[in-house]
Structure formats: C-alpha cells, structure tokens
C-alpha atoms as a PDB file:
ATOM      1  CA  MET A   1       3.557  89.011 118.194  1.00  0.00           C
ATOM      2  CA  ALA A   2       6.432  88.255 115.851  1.00  0.00           C
ATOM      3  CA  SER A   3       6.233  91.685 114.219  1.00  0.00           C
ATOM      4  CA  LEU A   4       6.202  93.281 117.658  1.00  0.00           C
ATOM      5  CA  MET A   5       9.406  91.444 118.527  1.00  0.00           C
ATOM      6  CA  GLU A   6      10.979  92.516 115.257  1.00  0.00           C
ATOM      7  CA  ASN A   7       9.970  96.138 115.985  1.00  0.00           C
ATOM      8  CA  LEU A   8      11.455  95.903 119.469  1.00  0.00           C
ATOM      9  CA  ILE A   9      14.697  94.430 118.192  1.00  0.00           C
ATOM     10  CA  SER A  10      15.018  97.087 115.457  1.00  0.00           C
ATOM     11  CA  VAL A  11      14.273  99.915 117.916  1.00  0.00           C
ATOM     12  CA  LEU A  12      16.839  98.579 120.405  1.00  0.00           C
ATOM     13  CA  GLN A  13      19.450  98.188 117.686  1.00  0.00           C
ATOM     14  CA  ALA A  14      18.780 101.750 116.470  1.00  0.00           C
ATOM     15  CA  GLU A  15      18.947 103.025 120.048  1.00  0.00           C
ATOM     16  CA  GLY A  16      22.310 101.224 120.561  1.00  0.00           C
ATOM     17  CA  THR A  17      23.641 102.837 117.412  1.00  0.00           C
ATOM     18  CA  ALA A  18      22.519 106.288 118.577  1.00  0.00           C
ATOM     19  CA  TYR A  19      24.122 105.754 121.945  1.00  0.00           C
ATOM     20  CA  GLU A  20      27.332 104.748 120.184  1.00  0.00           C
ATOM     21  CA  GLU A  21      27.216 108.125 118.303  1.00  0.00           C
ATOM     22  CA  LEU A  22      26.701 109.926 121.602  1.00  0.00           C
ATOM     23  CA  LEU A  23      29.633 107.911 123.151  1.00  0.00           C
ATOM     24  CA  GLU A  24      31.889 108.918 120.241  1.00  0.00           C
ATOM     25  CA  LEU A  25      30.914 112.609 120.723  1.00  0.00           C
ATOM     26  CA  SER A  26      31.612 112.399 124.478  1.00  0.00           C
ATOM     27  CA  MET A  27      35.024 110.847 123.801  1.00  0.00           C
ATOM     28  CA  LYS A  28      35.774 113.742 121.411  1.00  0.00           C
ATOM     29  CA  LYS A  29      34.711 116.184 124.076  1.00  0.00           C
ATOM     30  CA  THR A  30      37.361 115.071 126.544  1.00  0.00           C
ATOM     31  CA  PRO A  31      40.442 116.520 124.765  1.00  0.00           C
ATOM     32  CA  ILE A  32      38.424 119.692 123.981  1.00  0.00           C
ATOM     33  CA  ILE A  33      37.645 120.164 127.674  1.00  0.00           C
ATOM     34  CA  ILE A  34      41.339 119.619 128.533  1.00  0.00           C
ATOM     35  CA  GLY A  35      42.374 122.151 125.875  1.00  0.00           C
ATOM     36  CA  GLY A  36      39.820 124.702 127.025  1.00  0.00           C
ATOM     37  CA  ASP A  37      38.381 125.083 123.523  1.00  0.00           C
ATOM     38  CA  LEU A  38      34.982 126.686 124.209  1.00  0.00           C
ATOM     39  CA  GLU A  39      33.966 126.916 120.539  1.00  0.00           C
ATOM     40  CA  GLY A  40      34.742 123.265 120.016  1.00  0.00           C
ATOM     41  CA  LEU A  41      32.828 122.327 123.192  1.00  0.00           C
ATOM     42  CA  GLN A  42      29.786 124.326 122.015  1.00  0.00           C
ATOM     43  CA  LYS A  43      29.915 122.573 118.606  1.00  0.00           C
ATOM     44  CA  ILE A  44      30.066 119.111 120.114  1.00  0.00           C
ATOM     45  CA  THR A  45      27.335 120.022 122.650  1.00  0.00           C
ATOM     46  CA  ASP A  46      25.075 121.049 119.732  1.00  0.00           C
ATOM     47  CA  GLU A  47      25.773 117.751 117.984  1.00  0.00           C
ATOM     48  CA  GLU A  48      25.067 115.852 121.191  1.00  0.00           C
ATOM     49  CA  GLN A  49      21.709 117.626 121.459  1.00  0.00           C
ATOM     50  CA  THR A  50      20.754 116.336 117.992  1.00  0.00           C
ATOM     51  CA  VAL A  51      21.657 112.735 118.966  1.00  0.00           C
ATOM     52  CA  VAL A  52      19.863 113.020 122.294  1.00  0.00           C
ATOM     53  CA  ALA A  53      16.678 114.119 120.448  1.00  0.00           C
ATOM     54  CA  LYS A  54      16.970 111.009 118.237  1.00  0.00           C
ATOM     55  CA  ILE A  55      17.493 108.840 121.326  1.00  0.00           C
ATOM     56  CA  ASN A  56      14.435 110.363 123.068  1.00  0.00           C
ATOM     57  CA  HIS A  57      12.374 109.583 119.946  1.00  0.00           C
ATOM     58  CA  LEU A  58      13.657 105.991 119.889  1.00  0.00           C
ATOM     59  CA  ASP A  59      13.043 105.620 123.575  1.00  0.00           C
ATOM     60  CA  ALA A  60       9.417 106.721 123.175  1.00  0.00           C
ATOM     61  CA  LYS A  61       9.065 104.239 120.300  1.00  0.00           C
ATOM     62  CA  ARG A  62      10.560 101.432 122.453  1.00  0.00           C
ATOM     63  CA  GLU A  63       8.133 102.233 125.258  1.00  0.00           C
ATOM     64  CA  GLU A  64       5.223 102.086 122.761  1.00  0.00           C
ATOM     65  CA  VAL A  65       6.333  98.697 121.411  1.00  0.00           C
ATOM     66  CA  THR A  66       6.892  97.392 124.983  1.00  0.00           C
ATOM     67  CA  ARG A  67       3.358  98.589 125.934  1.00  0.00           C
ATOM     68  CA  ASP A  68       1.931  96.715 122.922  1.00  0.00           C
ATOM     69  CA  ILE A  69       3.879  93.587 123.844  1.00  0.00           C
ATOM     70  CA  ALA A  70       2.588  93.817 127.448  1.00  0.00           C
ATOM     71  CA  ASN A  71      -0.988  94.134 126.138  1.00  0.00           C
ATOM     72  CA  VAL A  72      -0.560  91.028 123.931  1.00  0.00           C
ATOM     73  CA  LEU A  73       0.934  89.042 126.777  1.00  0.00           C
ATOM     74  CA  ASN A  74      -1.594  90.420 129.263  1.00  0.00           C
ATOM     75  CA  LYS A  75       1.177  91.647 131.569  1.00  0.00           C
ATOM     76  CA  ASP A  76       1.585  94.849 133.525  1.00  0.00           C
ATOM     77  CA  VAL A  77       3.784  97.153 131.420  1.00  0.00           C
ATOM     78  CA  THR A  78       5.434  98.699 134.537  1.00  0.00           C
ATOM     79  CA  LYS A  79       6.566  95.289 135.715  1.00  0.00           C
ATOM     80  CA  LEU A  80       7.574  93.868 132.281  1.00  0.00           C
ATOM     81  CA  LYS A  81      11.312  94.070 131.808  1.00  0.00           C
ATOM     82  CA  LEU A  82      13.382  93.324 128.766  1.00  0.00           C
ATOM     83  CA  ALA A  83      15.048  90.417 130.511  1.00  0.00           C
ATOM     84  CA  ASP A  84      11.539  88.897 131.036  1.00  0.00           C
ATOM     85  CA  ILE A  85      10.771  89.245 127.329  1.00  0.00           C
ATOM     86  CA  ILE A  86      14.075  87.598 126.449  1.00  0.00           C
ATOM     87  CA  ARG A  87      13.262  84.652 128.762  1.00  0.00           C
ATOM     88  CA  MET A  88       9.743  84.372 127.200  1.00  0.00           C
ATOM     89  CA  LEU A  89      11.254  83.911 123.755  1.00  0.00           C
ATOM     90  CA  SER A  90      12.777  80.561 124.632  1.00  0.00           C
ATOM     91  CA  GLN A  91      10.656  78.985 121.863  1.00  0.00           C
ATOM     92  CA  ARG A  92      12.150  81.346 119.317  1.00  0.00           C
ATOM     93  CA  PRO A  93      15.893  81.192 119.725  1.00  0.00           C
ATOM     94  CA  VAL A  94      16.757  83.459 116.737  1.00  0.00           C
ATOM     95  CA  GLU A  95      14.653  86.294 118.063  1.00  0.00           C
ATOM     96  CA  GLN A  96      15.785  85.601 121.630  1.00  0.00           C
ATOM     97  CA  ASN A  97      19.454  85.879 120.596  1.00  0.00           C
ATOM     98  CA  GLN A  98      18.883  89.001 118.571  1.00  0.00           C
ATOM     99  CA  LEU A  99      17.001  90.662 121.436  1.00  0.00           C
ATOM    100  CA  ALA A 100      19.608  89.593 123.966  1.00  0.00           C
ATOM    101  CA  ALA A 101      22.450  90.882 121.725  1.00  0.00           C
ATOM    102  CA  ALA A 102      20.724  94.265 121.247  1.00  0.00           C
ATOM    103  CA  HIS A 103      20.071  94.469 125.049  1.00  0.00           C
ATOM    104  CA  ASP A 104      23.676  93.601 125.874  1.00  0.00           C
ATOM    105  CA  LYS A 105      25.055  96.086 123.407  1.00  0.00           C
ATOM    106  CA  LEU A 106      22.817  98.849 124.675  1.00  0.00           C
ATOM    107  CA  LYS A 107      23.749  98.088 128.261  1.00  0.00           C
ATOM    108  CA  GLU A 108      27.470  98.111 127.452  1.00  0.00           C
ATOM    109  CA  VAL A 109      27.346 101.425 125.564  1.00  0.00           C
ATOM    110  CA  VAL A 110      25.298 103.103 128.328  1.00  0.00           C
ATOM    111  CA  GLY A 111      27.864 101.926 130.905  1.00  0.00           C
ATOM    112  CA  GLN A 112      30.706 103.374 128.824  1.00  0.00           C
ATOM    113  CA  MET A 113      28.691 106.621 128.461  1.00  0.00           C
ATOM    114  CA  ALA A 114      28.389 106.873 132.200  1.00  0.00           C
ATOM    115  CA  ARG A 115      32.197 106.427 132.664  1.00  0.00           C
ATOM    116  CA  ILE A 116      33.084 109.015 130.010  1.00  0.00           C
ATOM    117  CA  ASN A 117      30.488 111.521 131.332  1.00  0.00           C
ATOM    118  CA  GLU A 118      31.856 111.146 134.879  1.00  0.00           C
ATOM    119  CA  GLN A 119      35.381 111.747 133.571  1.00  0.00           C
ATOM    120  CA  ASN A 120      34.275 114.866 131.606  1.00  0.00           C
ATOM    121  CA  ARG A 121      32.354 116.131 134.645  1.00  0.00           C
ATOM    122  CA  ASP A 122      35.485 115.797 136.771  1.00  0.00           C
ATOM    123  CA  LEU A 123      37.604 117.632 134.155  1.00  0.00           C
ATOM    124  CA  ILE A 124      35.036 120.484 133.949  1.00  0.00           C
ATOM    125  CA  GLN A 125      34.965 120.659 137.791  1.00  0.00           C
ATOM    126  CA  ARG A 126      38.751 120.949 137.870  1.00  0.00           C
ATOM    127  CA  SER A 127      38.725 123.604 135.184  1.00  0.00           C
ATOM    128  CA  LEU A 128      36.172 125.595 137.230  1.00  0.00           C
ATOM    129  CA  GLU A 129      38.394 125.280 140.296  1.00  0.00           C
ATOM    130  CA  MET A 130      41.361 126.593 138.369  1.00  0.00           C
ATOM    131  CA  VAL A 131      39.350 129.597 137.072  1.00  0.00           C
ATOM    132  CA  GLU A 132      38.221 130.324 140.679  1.00  0.00           C
ATOM    133  CA  PHE A 133      41.817 130.042 141.887  1.00  0.00           C
ATOM    134  CA  ASP A 134      43.016 132.456 139.189  1.00  0.00           C
ATOM    135  CA  LEU A 135      40.210 134.952 140.112  1.00  0.00           C
ATOM    136  CA  ASN A 136      41.132 134.714 143.807  1.00  0.00           C
ATOM    137  CA  LEU A 137      44.796 135.288 142.904  1.00  0.00           C
ATOM    138  CA  ILE A 138      43.941 138.342 140.878  1.00  0.00           C
ATOM    139  CA  GLN A 139      41.775 139.689 143.622  1.00  0.00           C
ATOM    140  CA  SER A 140      44.455 139.071 146.237  1.00  0.00           C
ATOM    141  CA  MET A 141      46.994 140.910 144.114  1.00  0.00           C
ATOM    142  CA  LYS A 142      44.709 143.999 144.162  1.00  0.00           C
ATOM    143  CA  SER A 143      44.597 143.955 147.962  1.00  0.00           C
ATOM    144  CA  ALA A 144      48.285 143.257 148.493  1.00  0.00           C
ATOM    145  CA  PRO A 145      50.035 144.716 151.560  1.00  0.00           C
ATOM    146  CA  GLN A 146      51.712 148.074 151.588  1.00  0.00           C
ATOM    147  CA  THR A 147      55.306 148.218 150.575  1.00  0.00           C
ATOM    148  CA  ALA A 148      58.112 149.291 152.928  1.00  0.00           C
ATOM    149  CA  ASN A 149      58.899 152.329 150.856  1.00  0.00           C
ATOM    150  CA  TYR A 150      59.876 155.430 152.818  1.00  0.00           C
ATOM    151  CA  ASN A 151      59.978 158.988 151.667  1.00  0.00           C
ATOM    152  CA  ARG A 152      62.653 161.615 152.625  1.00  0.00           C
ATOM    153  CA  GLY A 153      61.083 162.357 156.052  1.00  0.00           C
ATOM    154  CA  ALA A 154      61.348 158.644 156.983  1.00  0.00           C
ATOM    155  CA  TYR A 155      57.618 158.223 156.656  1.00  0.00           C
ATOM    156  CA  ASN A 156      56.024 155.244 154.968  1.00  0.00           C
ATOM    157  CA  SER A 157      54.884 156.354 151.531  1.00  0.00           C
ATOM    158  CA  GLY A 158      51.998 153.844 151.672  1.00  0.00           C
ATOM    159  CA  ALA A 159      52.384 152.474 148.202  1.00  0.00           C
ATOM    160  CA  VAL A 160      50.343 149.317 147.617  1.00  0.00           C
ATOM    161  CA  MET A 161      51.768 146.400 145.592  1.00  0.00           C
ATOM    162  CA  GLY A 162      49.918 145.201 142.541  1.00  0.00           C
ATOM    163  CA  THR A 163      47.811 148.279 141.873  1.00  0.00           C
ATOM    164  CA  GLY A 164      49.715 149.645 138.871  1.00  0.00           C
ATOM    165  CA  ARG A 165      46.712 148.871 136.684  1.00  0.00           C
ATOM    166  CA  GLY A 166      43.100 148.841 137.550  1.00  0.00           C
ATOM    167  CA  GLY A 167      41.066 145.776 136.555  1.00  0.00           C
ATOM    168  CA  PHE A 168      40.551 144.141 133.245  1.00  0.00           C
ATOM    169  CA  ASP A 169      41.823 145.696 130.038  1.00  0.00           C
ATOM    170  CA  ALA A 170      39.485 144.754 127.230  1.00  0.00           C
ATOM    171  CA  LYS A 171      41.773 146.084 124.489  1.00  0.00           C
ATOM    172  CA  GLN A 172      44.440 143.490 125.068  1.00  0.00           C
END
C-alpha cells in the first residue's frame, strides 16, 4: 500500500507540474491573441498539444493507481475520491501531507487555468466580432447609396459610392 501511495503522490506532483507548464503557455497566449499574431498562436497551440498529451498520459496513470488503491482497500473506485484517501492516511502523516499538498497544488493550478482560458476565450470572441464588423463594413461600402451627381441634362448620373475597386486585391 505504501508504494501505491508513493506512486499516487509522484503522479499527482508530475500532473501538477504539467498543468503549470500548460498554465504558463496559456498566459503567453494572451498577449499573442491581443496582438493578432496567428503564427505565434499556432506555435503555442502546438506546444499546448504536447503538454496536453503528457497530462492525458499522467491522468490515465493516476486512474490506474487509484483503481489499484481501491482494490487494496476494497472500495468502489467510482466513489473513492482523493479527499477520502487523504483522510484514510491519518496514521501516516508524512504521506498524508504530501498527498494533500499535491492535491491542493493541482486544484489551484487547474483553477488558474480555467480563469486564463476563459479570458483567452473572451479575447478570441471579441476578435471574431471585430472581424465580422470589418467584413460588414466592407460589404456595406459596396452597396452604398447613389450619389447626388447630375449630368448636363439635369439627370442623376447614378454613380454609386465605394465601388471604385472591385473586391479583394491579392497583390497588395
């Protein structure tokens, strides 16, 4: 049982470290989103995918260790929570403190991740709204009203504002 607890503690500590890496990348992503740097955003997203793969591996390992602990304790793995395991370790204060510290660190980092991700989501949403606004503005310029230009016979010449060029110029 002691080796299972050591495994659980080491997996939780490694998971906490991986989440800290992911948090750092998310914090780097915020100014990149604000600056509209698509290449930088792609690079950070690729780095995040690598860290997420590591977290998924550690999460599977944690579930395996938790399942083994539940089998040893003869408990239902679906009902066994980390807080329960921490309480059960009252006879082993060193392991209990290490497990509680790893749990608290992981909980704190995941909470920070949620806040940063929400902030980045809002920034991306606002950027998309600005792009949509710009597209609407460009489209409305194409369908601008006719000007009040008259020719020699006092007839409206029918010139339309904003149609000097047609569409997107890829050469610029």
